[in-house]
């Protein structure tokens, strides 16, 4: 699984270690935060894009989001530092762009939605295999 932050690809994975890392950094539960982001997205997906983004930004702040992404990325690549994740999040801006390769430079709330969808698929596959 991979996400993009400002055209850079990062592998992600949900793991117990990612959950512990996020809890240590924020005091919050990773699954709860991802479910909240995904629920907010579903409730607002049919609204204008700026309304959708406003609701997602209200749902999760920049710092918490950076720790979510960092924990998921570090589950696959320990060399990626939090500052690098935050820099990518900052550089994509606050609203989506409509151009070629736009999926590689979406604002962080939309990246989190994509990550939640990928993780849901990962966990569904794990359950099927067991």
N, C-alpha and C. Protein backbone atom coordinates (compact mmCIF):
# COMPACT_ATOMS: atom_id res chain seq x y z
N UNK A 1 0.85 -1.17 0.00
CA UNK A 1 0.00 0.00 0.00
C UNK A 1 0.90 1.23 0.00
N UNK A 2 0.43 2.25 -0.69
CA UNK A 2 1.21 3.48 -0.72
C UNK A 2 0.31 4.70 -0.79
N UNK A 3 0.85 5.79 -0.30
CA UNK A 3 0.20 7.09 -0.40
C UNK A 3 1.21 8.04 -1.04
N UNK A 4 0.72 9.19 -1.45
CA UNK A 4 1.59 10.23 -2.00
C UNK A 4 1.45 11.49 -1.18
N UNK A 5 2.57 12.11 -0.88
CA UNK A 5 2.62 13.44 -0.29
C UNK A 5 3.52 14.27 -1.18
N UNK A 6 2.93 15.23 -1.86
CA UNK A 6 3.68 16.14 -2.72
C UNK A 6 4.56 15.36 -3.71
N UNK A 7 3.95 14.45 -4.43
CA UNK A 7 4.56 13.65 -5.49
C UNK A 7 5.53 12.57 -5.00
N UNK A 8 5.73 12.47 -3.71
CA UNK A 8 6.63 11.44 -3.19
C UNK A 8 5.78 10.28 -2.67
N UNK A 9 6.15 9.10 -3.09
CA UNK A 9 5.44 7.89 -2.69
C UNK A 9 5.97 7.39 -1.35
N UNK A 10 5.05 7.00 -0.48
CA UNK A 10 5.41 6.43 0.82
C UNK A 10 4.63 5.13 1.01
N UNK A 11 5.32 4.05 1.34
CA UNK A 11 4.60 2.83 1.68
C UNK A 11 3.97 3.00 3.07
N UNK A 12 2.77 2.45 3.24
CA UNK A 12 2.12 2.51 4.56
C UNK A 12 1.63 1.12 4.94
N UNK A 13 1.44 0.96 6.24
CA UNK A 13 0.92 -0.31 6.76
C UNK A 13 0.32 -0.05 8.13
N UNK A 14 -0.83 -0.65 8.38
CA UNK A 14 -1.39 -0.62 9.72
C UNK A 14 -0.74 -1.75 10.49
N UNK A 15 -0.25 -1.44 11.66
CA UNK A 15 0.37 -2.45 12.50
C UNK A 15 0.15 -2.08 13.96
N UNK A 16 0.36 -3.05 14.81
CA UNK A 16 0.27 -2.78 16.24
C UNK A 16 1.31 -1.75 16.65
N UNK A 17 2.50 -1.83 16.06
CA UNK A 17 3.55 -0.86 16.37
C UNK A 17 3.12 0.56 15.96
N UNK A 18 2.48 0.68 14.80
CA UNK A 18 1.99 2.00 14.36
C UNK A 18 0.96 2.54 15.35
N UNK A 19 0.10 1.65 15.84
CA UNK A 19 -0.91 2.07 16.81
C UNK A 19 -0.26 2.55 18.11
N UNK A 20 0.75 1.82 18.56
CA UNK A 20 1.45 2.20 19.80
C UNK A 20 2.22 3.51 19.61
N UNK A 21 2.88 3.65 18.47
CA UNK A 21 3.64 4.87 18.19
C UNK A 21 2.71 6.09 18.19
N UNK A 22 1.57 5.96 17.55
CA UNK A 22 0.61 7.06 17.48
C UNK A 22 0.07 7.39 18.87
N UNK A 23 -0.26 6.38 19.64
CA UNK A 23 -0.78 6.59 21.00
C UNK A 23 0.24 7.31 21.88
N UNK A 24 1.51 6.90 21.76
CA UNK A 24 2.57 7.54 22.54
C UNK A 24 2.73 9.01 22.14
N UNK A 25 2.65 9.29 20.84
CA UNK A 25 2.87 10.64 20.34
C UNK A 25 1.70 11.58 20.63
N UNK A 26 0.47 11.04 20.62
CA UNK A 26 -0.71 11.92 20.69
C UNK A 26 -1.64 11.65 21.86
N UNK A 27 -1.55 10.45 22.43
CA UNK A 27 -2.50 10.05 23.47
C UNK A 27 -3.84 9.60 22.90
N UNK A 28 -3.90 9.47 21.57
CA UNK A 28 -5.15 9.10 20.90
C UNK A 28 -5.05 7.71 20.29
N UNK A 29 -6.21 7.14 19.99
CA UNK A 29 -6.28 5.82 19.38
C UNK A 29 -6.28 5.96 17.86
N UNK A 30 -5.39 5.28 17.18
CA UNK A 30 -5.24 5.39 15.73
C UNK A 30 -6.49 4.94 14.99
N UNK A 31 -7.05 3.82 15.37
CA UNK A 31 -8.25 3.34 14.69
C UNK A 31 -9.40 4.33 14.84
N UNK A 32 -9.59 4.85 16.03
CA UNK A 32 -10.66 5.81 16.25
C UNK A 32 -10.48 7.03 15.34
N UNK A 33 -9.28 7.55 15.28
CA UNK A 33 -9.02 8.74 14.47
C UNK A 33 -9.30 8.46 12.99
N UNK A 34 -8.83 7.32 12.49
CA UNK A 34 -9.06 6.98 11.09
C UNK A 34 -10.55 6.77 10.79
N UNK A 35 -11.26 6.12 11.70
CA UNK A 35 -12.70 5.92 11.52
C UNK A 35 -13.42 7.27 11.51
N UNK A 36 -13.02 8.16 12.39
CA UNK A 36 -13.64 9.49 12.45
C UNK A 36 -13.41 10.25 11.15
N UNK A 37 -12.19 10.20 10.62
CA UNK A 37 -11.88 10.85 9.35
C UNK A 37 -12.73 10.25 8.23
N UNK A 38 -12.79 8.93 8.17
CA UNK A 38 -13.53 8.27 7.11
C UNK A 38 -15.03 8.56 7.22
N UNK A 39 -15.55 8.53 8.43
CA UNK A 39 -16.97 8.85 8.64
C UNK A 39 -17.28 10.28 8.21
N UNK A 40 -16.41 11.21 8.56
CA UNK A 40 -16.60 12.61 8.16
C UNK A 40 -16.59 12.74 6.64
N UNK A 41 -15.69 12.01 6.01
CA UNK A 41 -15.64 12.02 4.55
C UNK A 41 -16.95 11.50 3.96
N UNK A 42 -17.42 10.37 4.44
CA UNK A 42 -18.65 9.78 3.89
C UNK A 42 -19.86 10.69 4.09
N UNK A 43 -19.93 11.36 5.23
CA UNK A 43 -21.05 12.26 5.51
C UNK A 43 -21.05 13.50 4.61
N UNK A 44 -19.88 13.85 4.08
CA UNK A 44 -19.76 15.09 3.33
C UNK A 44 -19.30 14.92 1.88
N UNK A 45 -19.17 13.69 1.42
CA UNK A 45 -18.63 13.42 0.10
C UNK A 45 -19.46 14.03 -1.03
N UNK A 46 -20.75 14.19 -0.81
CA UNK A 46 -21.61 14.73 -1.87
C UNK A 46 -21.72 16.25 -1.83
N UNK A 47 -21.01 16.89 -0.92
CA UNK A 47 -21.04 18.34 -0.78
C UNK A 47 -19.93 18.97 -1.62
N UNK A 48 -20.00 20.29 -1.85
CA UNK A 48 -18.91 20.94 -2.58
C UNK A 48 -17.55 20.66 -1.92
N UNK A 49 -16.51 20.61 -2.73
CA UNK A 49 -15.19 20.19 -2.26
C UNK A 49 -14.69 21.04 -1.09
N UNK A 50 -14.93 22.34 -1.11
CA UNK A 50 -14.46 23.17 0.00
C UNK A 50 -15.22 22.87 1.29
N UNK A 51 -16.49 22.53 1.19
CA UNK A 51 -17.26 22.12 2.37
C UNK A 51 -16.72 20.81 2.91
N UNK A 52 -16.48 19.86 2.01
CA UNK A 52 -15.89 18.58 2.41
C UNK A 52 -14.57 18.80 3.14
N UNK A 53 -13.70 19.59 2.56
CA UNK A 53 -12.39 19.82 3.18
C UNK A 53 -12.52 20.55 4.51
N UNK A 54 -13.42 21.53 4.60
CA UNK A 54 -13.60 22.25 5.87
C UNK A 54 -14.00 21.27 6.97
N UNK A 55 -14.89 20.34 6.66
CA UNK A 55 -15.32 19.36 7.65
C UNK A 55 -14.17 18.41 8.02
N UNK A 56 -13.37 18.03 7.04
CA UNK A 56 -12.23 17.15 7.34
C UNK A 56 -11.18 17.88 8.16
N UNK A 57 -10.91 19.15 7.83
CA UNK A 57 -9.95 19.92 8.63
C UNK A 57 -10.45 20.10 10.07
N UNK A 58 -11.76 20.24 10.24
CA UNK A 58 -12.32 20.34 11.59
C UNK A 58 -12.21 19.02 12.33
N UNK A 59 -12.19 17.94 11.59
CA UNK A 59 -12.13 16.60 12.16
C UNK A 59 -10.73 16.26 12.68
N UNK A 60 -9.70 16.70 11.96
CA UNK A 60 -8.33 16.33 12.34
C UNK A 60 -7.38 17.47 12.01
N UNK A 61 -6.63 17.88 13.01
CA UNK A 61 -5.68 18.98 12.81
C UNK A 61 -4.38 18.48 12.17
N UNK A 62 -3.58 19.42 11.72
CA UNK A 62 -2.33 19.12 11.01
C UNK A 62 -1.39 18.25 11.84
N UNK A 63 -1.21 18.59 13.09
CA UNK A 63 -0.26 17.85 13.93
C UNK A 63 -0.70 16.40 14.12
N UNK A 64 -1.97 16.20 14.45
CA UNK A 64 -2.47 14.83 14.63
C UNK A 64 -2.37 14.05 13.33
N UNK A 65 -2.74 14.68 12.23
CA UNK A 65 -2.66 14.01 10.92
C UNK A 65 -1.22 13.62 10.59
N UNK A 66 -0.28 14.49 10.92
CA UNK A 66 1.12 14.17 10.62
C UNK A 66 1.58 12.95 11.41
N UNK A 67 1.10 12.81 12.64
CA UNK A 67 1.46 11.63 13.44
C UNK A 67 0.78 10.36 12.92
N UNK A 68 -0.44 10.50 12.40
CA UNK A 68 -1.10 9.35 11.79
C UNK A 68 -0.26 8.85 10.62
N UNK A 69 0.03 9.75 9.70
CA UNK A 69 0.78 9.36 8.51
C UNK A 69 2.17 8.87 8.86
N UNK A 70 2.82 9.52 9.79
CA UNK A 70 4.17 9.11 10.18
C UNK A 70 4.17 7.70 10.77
N UNK A 71 3.22 7.40 11.62
CA UNK A 71 3.15 6.06 12.23
C UNK A 71 2.91 5.00 11.16
N UNK A 72 2.00 5.29 10.22
CA UNK A 72 1.70 4.32 9.16
C UNK A 72 2.89 4.14 8.22
N UNK A 73 3.60 5.22 7.94
CA UNK A 73 4.78 5.14 7.07
C UNK A 73 5.91 4.42 7.78
N UNK A 74 6.14 4.74 9.04
CA UNK A 74 7.23 4.11 9.77
C UNK A 74 7.03 2.61 9.97
N UNK A 75 5.81 2.16 9.87
CA UNK A 75 5.56 0.71 9.95
C UNK A 75 6.22 -0.01 8.78
N UNK A 76 6.50 0.73 7.70
CA UNK A 76 7.15 0.16 6.53
C UNK A 76 8.57 0.69 6.30
N UNK A 77 8.84 1.92 6.74
CA UNK A 77 10.14 2.54 6.49
C UNK A 77 10.55 3.41 7.69
N UNK A 78 11.37 2.86 8.55
CA UNK A 78 11.78 3.55 9.78
C UNK A 78 12.64 4.79 9.52
N UNK A 79 13.17 4.94 8.32
CA UNK A 79 14.07 6.06 8.04
C UNK A 79 13.34 7.38 7.80
N UNK A 80 12.02 7.33 7.63
CA UNK A 80 11.26 8.56 7.35
C UNK A 80 10.98 9.29 8.66
N UNK A 81 11.42 10.53 8.72
CA UNK A 81 11.23 11.36 9.92
C UNK A 81 9.92 12.14 9.85
N UNK A 82 9.43 12.51 11.00
CA UNK A 82 8.19 13.28 11.11
C UNK A 82 8.28 14.58 10.32
N UNK A 83 9.42 15.25 10.38
CA UNK A 83 9.59 16.52 9.66
C UNK A 83 9.37 16.36 8.16
N UNK A 84 9.81 15.24 7.61
CA UNK A 84 9.65 14.98 6.17
C UNK A 84 8.17 14.83 5.83
N UNK A 85 7.44 14.13 6.67
CA UNK A 85 6.00 13.96 6.46
C UNK A 85 5.30 15.31 6.55
N UNK A 86 5.62 16.08 7.56
CA UNK A 86 4.99 17.40 7.73
C UNK A 86 5.31 18.33 6.57
N UNK A 87 6.53 18.27 6.06
CA UNK A 87 6.91 19.11 4.93
C UNK A 87 6.07 18.76 3.71
N UNK A 88 5.90 17.48 3.43
CA UNK A 88 5.06 17.06 2.31
C UNK A 88 3.63 17.49 2.48
N UNK A 89 3.12 17.38 3.70
CA UNK A 89 1.74 17.79 3.98
C UNK A 89 1.56 19.29 3.75
N UNK A 90 2.54 20.05 4.17
CA UNK A 90 2.46 21.50 4.02
C UNK A 90 2.53 21.91 2.54
N UNK A 91 3.41 21.30 1.81
CA UNK A 91 3.65 21.69 0.41
C UNK A 91 2.48 21.42 -0.53
N UNK A 92 1.61 20.47 -0.20
CA UNK A 92 0.48 20.21 -1.10
C UNK A 92 -0.61 21.25 -0.98
N UNK A 93 -0.56 22.08 0.03
CA UNK A 93 -1.54 23.14 0.17
C UNK A 93 -2.80 22.70 0.88
N UNK A 94 -3.78 23.57 0.86
CA UNK A 94 -4.98 23.37 1.66
C UNK A 94 -6.20 22.95 0.86
N UNK A 95 -6.10 22.96 -0.47
CA UNK A 95 -7.23 22.51 -1.28
C UNK A 95 -6.72 21.69 -2.46
N UNK A 96 -7.57 20.84 -3.02
CA UNK A 96 -7.12 20.00 -4.13
C UNK A 96 -6.88 20.81 -5.40
N UNK A 97 -6.04 20.30 -6.24
CA UNK A 97 -5.79 20.92 -7.53
C UNK A 97 -6.35 20.01 -8.61
N UNK A 98 -6.74 20.60 -9.70
CA UNK A 98 -7.26 19.82 -10.82
C UNK A 98 -6.27 19.89 -11.95
N UNK A 99 -5.38 18.95 -11.99
CA UNK A 99 -4.38 18.86 -13.04
C UNK A 99 -3.92 17.42 -13.13
N UNK A 100 -3.13 17.14 -14.14
CA UNK A 100 -2.59 15.79 -14.26
C UNK A 100 -1.80 15.42 -13.01
N UNK A 101 -1.83 14.20 -12.62
CA UNK A 101 -1.14 13.71 -11.43
C UNK A 101 -1.67 14.33 -10.13
N UNK A 102 -2.90 14.87 -10.15
CA UNK A 102 -3.41 15.52 -8.95
C UNK A 102 -3.55 14.55 -7.79
N UNK A 103 -3.68 13.24 -8.08
CA UNK A 103 -3.78 12.27 -7.00
C UNK A 103 -2.48 12.17 -6.21
N UNK A 104 -1.41 12.73 -6.74
CA UNK A 104 -0.12 12.68 -6.07
C UNK A 104 0.19 13.94 -5.27
N UNK A 105 -0.76 14.87 -5.24
CA UNK A 105 -0.55 16.08 -4.46
C UNK A 105 -1.84 16.61 -3.86
N UNK A 106 -2.53 15.72 -3.19
CA UNK A 106 -3.78 16.09 -2.53
C UNK A 106 -3.51 16.63 -1.12
N UNK A 107 -4.39 17.49 -0.61
CA UNK A 107 -4.25 17.95 0.78
C UNK A 107 -4.32 16.77 1.74
N UNK A 108 -3.70 16.96 2.90
CA UNK A 108 -3.58 15.83 3.84
C UNK A 108 -4.90 15.18 4.24
N UNK A 109 -6.02 15.91 4.37
CA UNK A 109 -7.24 15.19 4.74
C UNK A 109 -7.65 14.13 3.71
N UNK A 110 -7.44 14.43 2.43
CA UNK A 110 -7.78 13.46 1.40
C UNK A 110 -6.80 12.31 1.37
N UNK A 111 -5.55 12.57 1.72
CA UNK A 111 -4.56 11.50 1.84
C UNK A 111 -4.95 10.57 2.99
N UNK A 112 -5.43 11.14 4.08
CA UNK A 112 -5.88 10.33 5.21
C UNK A 112 -7.09 9.47 4.85
N UNK A 113 -7.99 10.00 4.06
CA UNK A 113 -9.14 9.22 3.61
C UNK A 113 -8.65 8.05 2.78
N UNK A 114 -7.73 8.31 1.87
CA UNK A 114 -7.18 7.24 1.04
C UNK A 114 -6.48 6.20 1.92
N UNK A 115 -5.72 6.64 2.90
CA UNK A 115 -5.03 5.71 3.80
C UNK A 115 -6.05 4.86 4.55
N UNK A 116 -7.12 5.47 5.02
CA UNK A 116 -8.16 4.71 5.73
C UNK A 116 -8.78 3.65 4.83
N UNK A 117 -9.01 3.99 3.57
CA UNK A 117 -9.58 3.03 2.63
C UNK A 117 -8.60 1.89 2.38
N UNK A 118 -7.32 2.21 2.22
CA UNK A 118 -6.31 1.17 2.00
C UNK A 118 -6.20 0.25 3.21
N UNK A 119 -6.23 0.84 4.39
CA UNK A 119 -6.12 0.05 5.63
C UNK A 119 -7.34 -0.85 5.79
N UNK A 120 -8.51 -0.34 5.45
CA UNK A 120 -9.70 -1.17 5.51
C UNK A 120 -9.54 -2.38 4.60
N UNK A 121 -9.01 -2.17 3.42
CA UNK A 121 -8.75 -3.28 2.51
C UNK A 121 -7.73 -4.25 3.07
N UNK A 122 -6.67 -3.72 3.68
CA UNK A 122 -5.63 -4.55 4.30
C UNK A 122 -6.22 -5.43 5.39
N UNK A 123 -7.01 -4.83 6.27
CA UNK A 123 -7.57 -5.58 7.38
C UNK A 123 -8.62 -6.59 6.91
N UNK A 124 -9.36 -6.25 5.89
CA UNK A 124 -10.33 -7.18 5.32
C UNK A 124 -9.63 -8.41 4.76
N UNK A 125 -8.52 -8.21 4.08
CA UNK A 125 -7.76 -9.33 3.52
C UNK A 125 -7.17 -10.22 4.62
N UNK A 126 -6.69 -9.61 5.69
CA UNK A 126 -6.14 -10.38 6.80
C UNK A 126 -7.22 -11.28 7.41
N UNK A 127 -8.41 -10.73 7.58
CA UNK A 127 -9.51 -11.51 8.15
C UNK A 127 -9.87 -12.66 7.22
N UNK A 128 -9.91 -12.42 5.91
CA UNK A 128 -10.25 -13.47 4.95
C UNK A 128 -9.23 -14.59 5.00
N UNK A 129 -7.95 -14.27 5.18
CA UNK A 129 -6.91 -15.29 5.20
C UNK A 129 -6.95 -16.13 6.46
N UNK A 130 -7.41 -15.56 7.56
CA UNK A 130 -7.47 -16.29 8.82
C UNK A 130 -8.64 -17.21 8.79
